[in-house]
Protein backbone atom coordinates (compact mmCIF):
# COMPACT_ATOMS: atom_id res chain seq x y z
CA MET A 1 96.03 0.39 65.90
CA ARG A 2 98.21 1.52 68.22
CA ARG A 3 98.06 4.64 69.87
CA ASN A 4 100.05 7.49 70.16
CA VAL A 5 100.88 8.80 73.52
CA LYS A 6 102.72 11.50 72.95
CA GLN A 7 101.44 14.71 73.69
CA THR A 8 102.34 18.81 73.10
CA SER A 9 105.44 20.08 74.39
CA ALA A 10 104.86 22.94 77.50
CA ARG A 11 106.81 24.91 74.68
CA VAL A 12 104.79 24.17 71.57
CA ALA A 13 101.97 24.78 73.62
CA THR A 14 102.78 28.25 74.39
CA LEU A 15 103.66 28.34 70.52
CA ALA A 16 99.94 27.20 69.60
CA ALA A 17 98.02 29.70 72.37
CA GLU A 18 100.71 32.50 71.01
CA THR A 19 98.56 31.94 67.55
CA LEU A 20 95.54 30.98 67.73
CA GLN A 21 95.82 34.96 69.37
CA ASP A 22 97.42 36.22 66.65
CA PRO A 23 94.81 37.97 64.04
CA ARG A 24 97.25 38.17 61.67
CA ALA A 25 97.87 34.57 62.17
CA SER A 26 96.87 31.87 58.60
CA LEU A 27 93.41 29.74 58.70
CA VAL A 28 96.25 26.23 58.49
CA SER A 29 98.48 27.53 61.87
CA ARG A 30 95.10 28.51 63.72
CA ARG A 31 94.06 24.93 62.58
CA LEU A 32 97.54 23.32 63.49
CA ALA A 33 97.70 25.19 67.11
CA ALA A 34 93.97 24.12 67.79
CA SER A 35 94.80 20.67 66.94
CA ALA A 36 98.67 20.95 69.13
CA LEU A 37 96.73 22.59 72.27
CA ALA A 38 94.10 19.45 71.99
CA GLN A 39 96.34 16.97 72.13
CA ARG A 40 98.48 18.41 75.29
CA SER A 41 97.08 16.87 78.51
CA THR A 42 94.57 14.47 76.36
CA GLY A 43 94.91 10.79 75.28
CA LYS A 44 93.62 12.74 71.59
CA GLN A 45 95.83 11.85 69.10
CA THR A 46 95.49 13.76 64.68
CA GLY A 47 93.25 13.01 62.84
CA ALA A 48 93.90 11.45 59.20
CA ALA A 49 92.80 15.28 57.70
CA MET A 50 95.29 16.95 60.12
CA GLU A 51 97.88 14.77 59.34
CA ASP A 52 97.59 15.55 55.66
CA VAL A 53 97.90 18.96 56.78
CA ALA A 54 101.17 19.10 58.67
CA ALA A 55 102.87 16.46 56.20
CA LYS A 56 101.88 19.36 53.03
CA VAL A 57 103.29 22.23 55.57
CA LEU A 58 106.75 20.67 56.26
CA ALA A 59 106.91 19.68 52.44
CA SER A 60 106.26 22.81 51.20
CA GLY A 61 109.42 26.56 51.82
CA HIS A 62 105.96 28.57 52.23
CA TYR A 63 105.25 28.44 55.92
CA ALA A 64 106.57 30.49 58.63
CA GLU A 65 109.24 28.86 60.98
CA GLU A 66 106.22 28.68 63.91
CA THR A 67 103.69 26.85 61.93
CA ARG A 68 106.30 24.67 60.66
CA GLU A 69 107.06 23.18 64.07
CA LEU A 70 103.70 23.04 64.80
CA ALA A 71 103.60 20.63 61.93
CA ALA A 72 106.42 18.89 63.08
CA SER A 73 104.67 18.55 66.80
CA VAL A 74 101.46 17.81 64.88
CA LEU A 75 102.50 15.05 63.06
CA ALA A 76 104.37 13.19 65.47
CA GLN A 77 101.01 12.64 67.91
CA ALA A 78 99.63 10.64 64.25
CA ASN A 79 98.48 7.58 64.43
CA LYS A 80 101.91 5.28 63.51
CA ASP A 81 100.06 2.98 61.48
CA ARG A 82 98.01 4.90 59.11
């Protein structure tokens, strides 16, 4: 299985950190933010469960733009073979 070597950008990492510090952030936003930060400077890639969450966020029109941006970043770092 191929590995995706993409990493979270500095701008998205900042957004993720701000999301985690925001007490009003939703659980979905926090999960996506944590996943994005975990992939900032490591060889980690998005797991199957987070791929599903990110895909559902992008398919739905009910999430804030920041949440959608985190979802897009997380999904971009997913394993392309899955």
